[in-house]
Amino acid sequence: KEQVPWLVDREWIYGLVMAVLVGVVIIGG
C-alpha cells in the first residue's frame, strides 16, 4: 500500500488476488 496508494480502502482486492495465486499452487499438493 505504501507503493500503491490506490489499495487504501480497497485492501480486499489484494487479499483476493493473493487467494487466487495461492490456490493455483496448493491444489497441487
Full PDB file with SEQRES, HELIX, SHEET, SSBOND, CRYST1, ORIGX, SCALE, CONECT and MASTER records, all heavy atoms in Angstrom:
SEQRES   1 A   29  LYS GLU GLN VAL PRO TRP LEU VAL ASP ARG GLU TRP ILE          
SEQRES   2 A   29  TYR GLY LEU VAL MET ALA VAL LEU VAL GLY VAL VAL ILE          
SEQRES   3 A   29  ILE GLY GLY                                                  
HELIX    1 AA1 PRO A    5  LEU A    7  5                                   3    
HELIX    2 AA2 GLU A   11  ILE A   26  1                                  16    
CRYST1    1.000    1.000    1.000  90.00  90.00  90.00 P 1           1          
ORIGX1      1.000000  0.000000  0.000000        0.00000                         
ORIGX2      0.000000  1.000000  0.000000        0.00000                         
ORIGX3      0.000000  0.000000  1.000000        0.00000                         
SCALE1      1.000000  0.000000  0.000000        0.00000                         
SCALE2      0.000000  1.000000  0.000000        0.00000                         
SCALE3      0.000000  0.000000  1.000000        0.00000                         
ATOM      1  N   LYS A   1       0.823  -1.218   0.000  1.00  0.00           N  
ATOM      2  CA  LYS A   1       0.000   0.000   0.000  1.00  0.00           C  
ATOM      3  C   LYS A   1       0.851   1.259   0.000  1.00  0.00           C  
ATOM      4  O   LYS A   1       0.429   2.299  -0.510  1.00  0.00           O  
ATOM      5  CB  LYS A   1      -0.941   0.013   1.204  1.00  0.00           C  
ATOM      6  CG  LYS A   1      -2.133  -0.907   1.075  1.00  0.00           C  
ATOM      7  CD  LYS A   1      -3.240  -0.578   2.061  1.00  0.00           C  
ATOM      8  CE  LYS A   1      -2.794  -0.613   3.491  1.00  0.00           C  
ATOM      9  NZ  LYS A   1      -3.893  -0.341   4.434  1.00  0.00           N  
ATOM     10  N   GLU A   2       2.041   1.180   0.606  1.00  0.00           N  
ATOM     11  CA  GLU A   2       2.939   2.326   0.597  1.00  0.00           C  
ATOM     12  C   GLU A   2       3.342   2.689  -0.832  1.00  0.00           C  
ATOM     13  O   GLU A   2       3.549   3.859  -1.156  1.00  0.00           O  
ATOM     14  CB  GLU A   2       4.202   2.010   1.412  1.00  0.00           C  
ATOM     15  CG  GLU A   2       3.979   1.941   2.915  1.00  0.00           C  
ATOM     16  CD  GLU A   2       3.889   3.309   3.552  1.00  0.00           C  
ATOM     17  OE1 GLU A   2       4.766   4.148   3.276  1.00  0.00           O  
ATOM     18  OE2 GLU A   2       2.933   3.542   4.314  1.00  0.00           O  
ATOM     19  N   GLN A   3       3.448   1.672  -1.683  1.00  0.00           N  
ATOM     20  CA  GLN A   3       3.859   1.890  -3.068  1.00  0.00           C  
ATOM     21  C   GLN A   3       2.670   2.017  -4.020  1.00  0.00           C  
ATOM     22  O   GLN A   3       2.797   2.599  -5.096  1.00  0.00           O  
ATOM     23  CB  GLN A   3       4.755   0.727  -3.533  1.00  0.00           C  
ATOM     24  CG  GLN A   3       5.974   0.491  -2.663  1.00  0.00           C  
ATOM     25  CD  GLN A   3       6.856   1.710  -2.570  1.00  0.00           C  
ATOM     26  OE1 GLN A   3       7.169   2.353  -3.584  1.00  0.00           O  
ATOM     27  NE2 GLN A   3       7.271   2.068  -1.344  1.00  0.00           N  
ATOM     28  N   VAL A   4       1.533   1.468  -3.617  1.00  0.00           N  
ATOM     29  CA  VAL A   4       0.321   1.517  -4.441  1.00  0.00           C  
ATOM     30  C   VAL A   4      -0.818   2.095  -3.603  1.00  0.00           C  
ATOM     31  O   VAL A   4      -1.655   1.337  -3.081  1.00  0.00           O  
ATOM     32  CB  VAL A   4      -0.049   0.112  -4.972  1.00  0.00           C  
ATOM     33  CG1 VAL A   4      -1.195   0.202  -5.988  1.00  0.00           C  
ATOM     34  CG2 VAL A   4       1.151  -0.573  -5.596  1.00  0.00           C  
ATOM     35  N   PRO A   5      -0.861   3.400  -3.401  1.00  0.00           N  
ATOM     36  CA  PRO A   5      -1.879   4.033  -2.557  1.00  0.00           C  
ATOM     37  C   PRO A   5      -3.319   3.723  -2.987  1.00  0.00           C  
ATOM     38  O   PRO A   5      -4.238   3.832  -2.171  1.00  0.00           O  
ATOM     39  CB  PRO A   5      -1.575   5.533  -2.712  1.00  0.00           C  
ATOM     40  CG  PRO A   5      -0.138   5.584  -3.120  1.00  0.00           C  
ATOM     41  CD  PRO A   5       0.076   4.376  -3.971  1.00  0.00           C  
ATOM     42  N   TRP A   6      -3.494   3.351  -4.231  1.00  0.00           N  
ATOM     43  CA  TRP A   6      -4.833   3.031  -4.723  1.00  0.00           C  
ATOM     44  C   TRP A   6      -5.488   1.917  -3.904  1.00  0.00           C  
ATOM     45  O   TRP A   6      -6.721   1.839  -3.819  1.00  0.00           O  
ATOM     46  CB  TRP A   6      -4.736   2.612  -6.198  1.00  0.00           C  
ATOM     47  CG  TRP A   6      -6.064   2.252  -6.811  1.00  0.00           C  
ATOM     48  CD1 TRP A   6      -6.991   3.098  -7.348  1.00  0.00           C  
ATOM     49  CD2 TRP A   6      -6.607   0.921  -6.937  1.00  0.00           C  
ATOM     50  NE1 TRP A   6      -8.075   2.390  -7.812  1.00  0.00           N  
ATOM     51  CE2 TRP A   6      -7.863   1.040  -7.564  1.00  0.00           C  
ATOM     52  CE3 TRP A   6      -6.150  -0.339  -6.580  1.00  0.00           C  
ATOM     53  CZ2 TRP A   6      -8.667  -0.052  -7.847  1.00  0.00           C  
ATOM     54  CZ3 TRP A   6      -6.953  -1.438  -6.856  1.00  0.00           C  
ATOM     55  CH2 TRP A   6      -8.196  -1.289  -7.483  1.00  0.00           C  
ATOM     56  N   LEU A   7      -4.676   1.056  -3.272  1.00  0.00           N  
ATOM     57  CA  LEU A   7      -5.227  -0.059  -2.494  1.00  0.00           C  
ATOM     58  C   LEU A   7      -5.836   0.372  -1.171  1.00  0.00           C  
ATOM     59  O   LEU A   7      -6.548  -0.410  -0.531  1.00  0.00           O  
ATOM     60  CB  LEU A   7      -4.128  -1.092  -2.227  1.00  0.00           C  
ATOM     61  CG  LEU A   7      -3.778  -2.037  -3.384  1.00  0.00           C  
ATOM     62  CD1 LEU A   7      -2.587  -2.898  -3.019  1.00  0.00           C  
ATOM     63  CD2 LEU A   7      -4.975  -2.916  -3.748  1.00  0.00           C  
ATOM     64  N   VAL A   8      -5.561   1.604  -0.731  1.00  0.00           N  
ATOM     65  CA  VAL A   8      -6.149   2.098   0.514  1.00  0.00           C  
ATOM     66  C   VAL A   8      -7.664   2.092   0.372  1.00  0.00           C  
ATOM     67  O   VAL A   8      -8.216   2.624  -0.608  1.00  0.00           O  
ATOM     68  CB  VAL A   8      -5.638   3.519   0.837  1.00  0.00           C  
ATOM     69  CG1 VAL A   8      -6.336   4.055   2.089  1.00  0.00           C  
ATOM     70  CG2 VAL A   8      -4.133   3.507   1.026  1.00  0.00           C  
ATOM     71  N   ASP A   9      -8.352   1.490   1.343  1.00  0.00           N  
ATOM     72  CA  ASP A   9      -9.798   1.291   1.333  1.00  0.00           C  
ATOM     73  C   ASP A   9     -10.241   0.255   0.305  1.00  0.00           C  
ATOM     74  O   ASP A   9     -11.437   0.015   0.135  1.00  0.00           O  
ATOM     75  CB  ASP A   9     -10.555   2.605   1.077  1.00  0.00           C  
ATOM     76  CG  ASP A   9     -10.362   3.619   2.181  1.00  0.00           C  
ATOM     77  OD1 ASP A   9     -10.154   3.187   3.334  1.00  0.00           O  
ATOM     78  OD2 ASP A   9     -10.404   4.831   1.896  1.00  0.00           O  
ATOM     79  N   ARG A  10      -9.273  -0.374  -0.362  1.00  0.00           N  
ATOM     80  CA  ARG A  10      -9.582  -1.466  -1.292  1.00  0.00           C  
ATOM     81  C   ARG A  10      -8.700  -2.676  -0.971  1.00  0.00           C  
ATOM     82  O   ARG A  10      -8.340  -3.453  -1.854  1.00  0.00           O  
ATOM     83  CB  ARG A  10      -9.345  -1.020  -2.737  1.00  0.00           C  
ATOM     84  CG  ARG A  10     -10.223   0.145  -3.198  1.00  0.00           C  
ATOM     85  CD  ARG A  10      -9.931   0.474  -4.664  1.00  0.00           C  
ATOM     86  NE  ARG A  10     -10.737   1.583  -5.160  1.00  0.00           N  
ATOM     87  CZ  ARG A  10     -10.384   2.861  -5.090  1.00  0.00           C  
ATOM     88  NH1 ARG A  10      -9.206   3.187  -4.530  1.00  0.00           N  
ATOM     89  NH2 ARG A  10     -11.161   3.800  -5.566  1.00  0.00           N  
ATOM     90  N   GLU A  11      -8.371  -2.821   0.307  1.00  0.00           N  
ATOM     91  CA  GLU A  11      -7.456  -3.888   0.717  1.00  0.00           C  
ATOM     92  C   GLU A  11      -7.954  -5.272   0.312  1.00  0.00           C  
ATOM     93  O   GLU A  11      -7.160  -6.185   0.064  1.00  0.00           O  
ATOM     94  CB  GLU A  11      -7.244  -3.843   2.231  1.00  0.00           C  
ATOM     95  CG  GLU A  11      -6.427  -2.662   2.726  1.00  0.00           C  
ATOM     96  CD  GLU A  11      -7.268  -1.417   2.984  1.00  0.00           C  
ATOM     97  OE1 GLU A  11      -8.457  -1.431   2.599  1.00  0.00           O  
ATOM     98  OE2 GLU A  11      -6.745  -0.445   3.544  1.00  0.00           O  
ATOM     99  N   TRP A  12      -9.268  -5.420   0.254  1.00  0.00           N  
ATOM    100  CA  TRP A  12      -9.836  -6.726  -0.067  1.00  0.00           C  
ATOM    101  C   TRP A  12      -9.402  -7.216  -1.457  1.00  0.00           C  
ATOM    102  O   TRP A  12      -9.331  -8.429  -1.699  1.00  0.00           O  
ATOM    103  CB  TRP A  12     -11.367  -6.678   0.008  1.00  0.00           C  
ATOM    104  CG  TRP A  12     -12.012  -5.749  -0.982  1.00  0.00           C  
ATOM    105  CD1 TRP A  12     -12.272  -4.425  -0.820  1.00  0.00           C  
ATOM    106  CD2 TRP A  12     -12.448  -6.091  -2.302  1.00  0.00           C  
ATOM    107  NE1 TRP A  12     -12.852  -3.902  -1.949  1.00  0.00           N  
ATOM    108  CE2 TRP A  12     -12.986  -4.909  -2.873  1.00  0.00           C  
ATOM    109  CE3 TRP A  12     -12.459  -7.269  -3.051  1.00  0.00           C  
ATOM    110  CZ2 TRP A  12     -13.513  -4.874  -4.161  1.00  0.00           C  
ATOM    111  CZ3 TRP A  12     -12.984  -7.252  -4.335  1.00  0.00           C  
ATOM    112  CH2 TRP A  12     -13.503  -6.055  -4.875  1.00  0.00           C  
ATOM    113  N   ILE A  13      -9.080  -6.273  -2.337  1.00  0.00           N  
ATOM    114  CA  ILE A  13      -8.633  -6.657  -3.683  1.00  0.00           C  
ATOM    115  C   ILE A  13      -7.289  -7.388  -3.601  1.00  0.00           C  
ATOM    116  O   ILE A  13      -7.068  -8.399  -4.274  1.00  0.00           O  
ATOM    117  CB  ILE A  13      -8.528  -5.415  -4.594  1.00  0.00           C  
ATOM    118  CG1 ILE A  13      -9.921  -4.813  -4.808  1.00  0.00           C  
ATOM    119  CG2 ILE A  13      -7.884  -5.774  -5.932  1.00  0.00           C  
ATOM    120  CD1 ILE A  13      -9.917  -3.544  -5.623  1.00  0.00           C  
ATOM    121  N   TYR A  14      -6.381  -6.863  -2.751  1.00  0.00           N  
ATOM    122  CA  TYR A  14      -5.088  -7.515  -2.557  1.00  0.00           C  
ATOM    123  C   TYR A  14      -5.297  -8.925  -2.011  1.00  0.00           C  
ATOM    124  O   TYR A  14      -4.657  -9.892  -2.463  1.00  0.00           O  
ATOM    125  CB  TYR A  14      -4.227  -6.693  -1.602  1.00  0.00           C  
ATOM    126  CG  TYR A  14      -2.858  -7.271  -1.347  1.00  0.00           C  
ATOM    127  CD1 TYR A  14      -1.817  -7.084  -2.247  1.00  0.00           C  
ATOM    128  CD2 TYR A  14      -2.597  -8.011  -0.181  1.00  0.00           C  
ATOM    129  CE1 TYR A  14      -0.553  -7.620  -2.014  1.00  0.00           C  
ATOM    130  CE2 TYR A  14      -1.341  -8.544   0.060  1.00  0.00           C  
ATOM    131  CZ  TYR A  14      -0.330  -8.346  -0.857  1.00  0.00           C  
ATOM    132  OH  TYR A  14       0.905  -8.879  -0.620  1.00  0.00           O  
ATOM    133  N   GLY A  15      -6.189  -9.059  -1.028  1.00  0.00           N  
ATOM    134  CA  GLY A  15      -6.467 -10.366  -0.451  1.00  0.00           C  
ATOM    135  C   GLY A  15      -7.038 -11.336  -1.469  1.00  0.00           C  
ATOM    136  O   GLY A  15      -6.689 -12.524  -1.477  1.00  0.00           O  
ATOM    137  N   LEU A  16      -7.894 -10.839  -2.339  1.00  0.00           N  
ATOM    138  CA  LEU A  16      -8.499 -11.691  -3.364  1.00  0.00           C  
ATOM    139  C   LEU A  16      -7.450 -12.178  -4.366  1.00  0.00           C  
ATOM    140  O   LEU A  16      -7.430 -13.365  -4.736  1.00  0.00           O  
ATOM    141  CB  LEU A  16      -9.603 -10.917  -4.089  1.00  0.00           C  
ATOM    142  CG  LEU A  16     -10.403 -11.703  -5.147  1.00  0.00           C  
ATOM    143  CD1 LEU A  16     -11.139 -12.868  -4.495  1.00  0.00           C  
ATOM    144  CD2 LEU A  16     -11.397 -10.776  -5.847  1.00  0.00           C  
ATOM    145  N   VAL A  17      -6.570 -11.276  -4.793  1.00  0.00           N  
ATOM    146  CA  VAL A  17      -5.518 -11.652  -5.743  1.00  0.00           C  
ATOM    147  C   VAL A  17      -4.587 -12.707  -5.127  1.00  0.00           C  
ATOM    148  O   VAL A  17      -4.243 -13.709  -5.771  1.00  0.00           O  
ATOM    149  CB  VAL A  17      -4.709 -10.412  -6.182  1.00  0.00           C  
ATOM    150  CG1 VAL A  17      -3.487 -10.834  -6.986  1.00  0.00           C  
ATOM    151  CG2 VAL A  17      -5.583  -9.469  -6.995  1.00  0.00           C  
ATOM    152  N   MET A  18      -4.182 -12.489  -3.870  1.00  0.00           N  
ATOM    153  CA  MET A  18      -3.302 -13.452  -3.206  1.00  0.00           C  
ATOM    154  C   MET A  18      -3.987 -14.804  -3.050  1.00  0.00           C  
ATOM    155  O   MET A  18      -3.353 -15.862  -3.208  1.00  0.00           O  
ATOM    156  CB  MET A  18      -2.876 -12.915  -1.841  1.00  0.00           C  
ATOM    157  CG  MET A  18      -1.924 -11.738  -1.911  1.00  0.00           C  
ATOM    158  SD  MET A  18      -0.318 -12.159  -2.656  1.00  0.00           S  
ATOM    159  CE  MET A  18       0.491 -12.981  -1.291  1.00  0.00           C  
ATOM    160  N   ALA A  19      -5.285 -14.796  -2.758  1.00  0.00           N  
ATOM    161  CA  ALA A  19      -6.022 -16.048  -2.598  1.00  0.00           C  
ATOM    162  C   ALA A  19      -6.020 -16.849  -3.899  1.00  0.00           C  
ATOM    163  O   ALA A  19      -5.841 -18.076  -3.893  1.00  0.00           O  
ATOM    164  CB  ALA A  19      -7.451 -15.765  -2.150  1.00  0.00           C  
ATOM    165  N   VAL A  20      -6.193 -16.169  -5.015  1.00  0.00           N  
ATOM    166  CA  VAL A  20      -6.189 -16.847  -6.317  1.00  0.00           C  
ATOM    167  C   VAL A  20      -4.813 -17.435  -6.615  1.00  0.00           C  
ATOM    168  O   VAL A  20      -4.686 -18.595  -7.028  1.00  0.00           O  
ATOM    169  CB  VAL A  20      -6.607 -15.867  -7.437  1.00  0.00           C  
ATOM    170  CG1 VAL A  20      -6.399 -16.514  -8.810  1.00  0.00           C  
ATOM    171  CG2 VAL A  20      -8.059 -15.450  -7.264  1.00  0.00           C  
ATOM    172  N   LEU A  21      -3.759 -16.633  -6.383  1.00  0.00           N  
ATOM    173  CA  LEU A  21      -2.400 -17.095  -6.674  1.00  0.00           C  
ATOM    174  C   LEU A  21      -1.994 -18.262  -5.780  1.00  0.00           C  
ATOM    175  O   LEU A  21      -1.330 -19.208  -6.226  1.00  0.00           O  
ATOM    176  CB  LEU A  21      -1.409 -15.937  -6.510  1.00  0.00           C  
ATOM    177  CG  LEU A  21      -1.566 -14.783  -7.509  1.00  0.00           C  
ATOM    178  CD1 LEU A  21      -0.591 -13.652  -7.173  1.00  0.00           C  
ATOM    179  CD2 LEU A  21      -1.336 -15.273  -8.930  1.00  0.00           C  
ATOM    180  N   VAL A  22      -2.387 -18.211  -4.501  1.00  0.00           N  
ATOM    181  CA  VAL A  22      -2.076 -19.316  -3.583  1.00  0.00           C  
ATOM    182  C   VAL A  22      -2.849 -20.561  -3.992  1.00  0.00           C  
ATOM    183  O   VAL A  22      -2.311 -21.680  -3.994  1.00  0.00           O  
ATOM    184  CB  VAL A  22      -2.417 -18.923  -2.128  1.00  0.00           C  
ATOM    185  CG1 VAL A  22      -2.346 -20.140  -1.213  1.00  0.00           C  
ATOM    186  CG2 VAL A  22      -1.462 -17.851  -1.628  1.00  0.00           C  
ATOM    187  N   GLY A  23      -4.099 -20.382  -4.369  1.00  0.00           N  
ATOM    188  CA  GLY A  23      -4.938 -21.515  -4.762  1.00  0.00           C  
ATOM    189  C   GLY A  23      -4.388 -22.282  -5.944  1.00  0.00           C  
ATOM    190  O   GLY A  23      -4.487 -23.516  -6.009  1.00  0.00           O  
ATOM    191  N   VAL A  24      -3.768 -21.578  -6.877  1.00  0.00           N  
ATOM    192  CA  VAL A  24      -3.210 -22.220  -8.069  1.00  0.00           C  
ATOM    193  C   VAL A  24      -2.150 -23.257  -7.689  1.00  0.00           C  
ATOM    194  O   VAL A  24      -2.036 -24.310  -8.323  1.00  0.00           O  
ATOM    195  CB  VAL A  24      -2.596 -21.161  -9.019  1.00  0.00           C  
ATOM    196  CG1 VAL A  24      -1.778 -21.824 -10.111  1.00  0.00           C  
ATOM    197  CG2 VAL A  24      -3.691 -20.298  -9.623  1.00  0.00           C  
ATOM    198  N   VAL A  25      -1.383 -22.972  -6.630  1.00  0.00           N  
ATOM    199  CA  VAL A  25      -0.289 -23.865  -6.230  1.00  0.00           C  
ATOM    200  C   VAL A  25      -0.750 -24.942  -5.253  1.00  0.00           C  
ATOM    201  O   VAL A  25      -0.448 -26.129  -5.442  1.00  0.00           O  
ATOM    202  CB  VAL A  25       0.874 -23.059  -5.603  1.00  0.00           C  
ATOM    203  CG1 VAL A  25       1.927 -24.001  -5.038  1.00  0.00           C  
ATOM    204  CG2 VAL A  25       1.500 -22.162  -6.659  1.00  0.00           C  
ATOM    205  N   ILE A  26      -1.491 -24.572  -4.221  1.00  0.00           N  
ATOM    206  CA  ILE A  26      -1.766 -25.533  -3.144  1.00  0.00           C  
ATOM    207  C   ILE A  26      -2.685 -26.666  -3.579  1.00  0.00           C  
ATOM    208  O   ILE A  26      -2.688 -27.732  -2.959  1.00  0.00           O  
ATOM    209  CB  ILE A  26      -2.332 -24.845  -1.883  1.00  0.00           C  
ATOM    210  CG1 ILE A  26      -3.753 -24.310  -2.124  1.00  0.00           C  
ATOM    211  CG2 ILE A  26      -1.410 -23.737  -1.422  1.00  0.00           C  
ATOM    212  CD1 ILE A  26      -4.400 -23.775  -0.867  1.00  0.00           C  
ATOM    213  N   ILE A  27      -3.451 -26.452  -4.628  1.00  0.00           N  
ATOM    214  CA  ILE A  27      -4.300 -27.543  -5.093  1.00  0.00           C  
ATOM    215  C   ILE A  27      -3.453 -28.708  -5.579  1.00  0.00           C  
ATOM    216  O   ILE A  27      -3.864 -29.861  -5.569  1.00  0.00           O  
ATOM    217  CB  ILE A  27      -5.236 -27.056  -6.232  1.00  0.00           C  
ATOM    218  CG1 ILE A  27      -6.154 -25.931  -5.716  1.00  0.00           C  
ATOM    219  CG2 ILE A  27      -6.074 -28.192  -6.776  1.00  0.00           C  
ATOM    220  CD1 ILE A  27      -7.022 -26.316  -4.546  1.00  0.00           C  
ATOM    221  N   GLY A  28      -2.193 -28.437  -5.966  1.00  0.00           N  
ATOM    222  CA  GLY A  28      -1.310 -29.476  -6.487  1.00  0.00           C  
ATOM    223  C   GLY A  28      -0.611 -30.317  -5.440  1.00  0.00           C  
ATOM    224  O   GLY A  28       0.068 -31.285  -5.788  1.00  0.00           O  
ATOM    225  N   GLY A  29      -0.690 -29.953  -4.151  1.00  0.00           N  
ATOM    226  CA  GLY A  29      -0.081 -30.751  -3.103  1.00  0.00           C  
ATOM    227  C   GLY A  29       1.394 -30.460  -2.882  1.00  0.00           C  
ATOM    228  O   GLY A  29       1.954 -29.505  -3.415  1.00  0.00           O  
TER     229      GLY A  29                                                      
MASTER        0    0    0    2    0    0    0    6  228    1    0    3          
END                                                                             
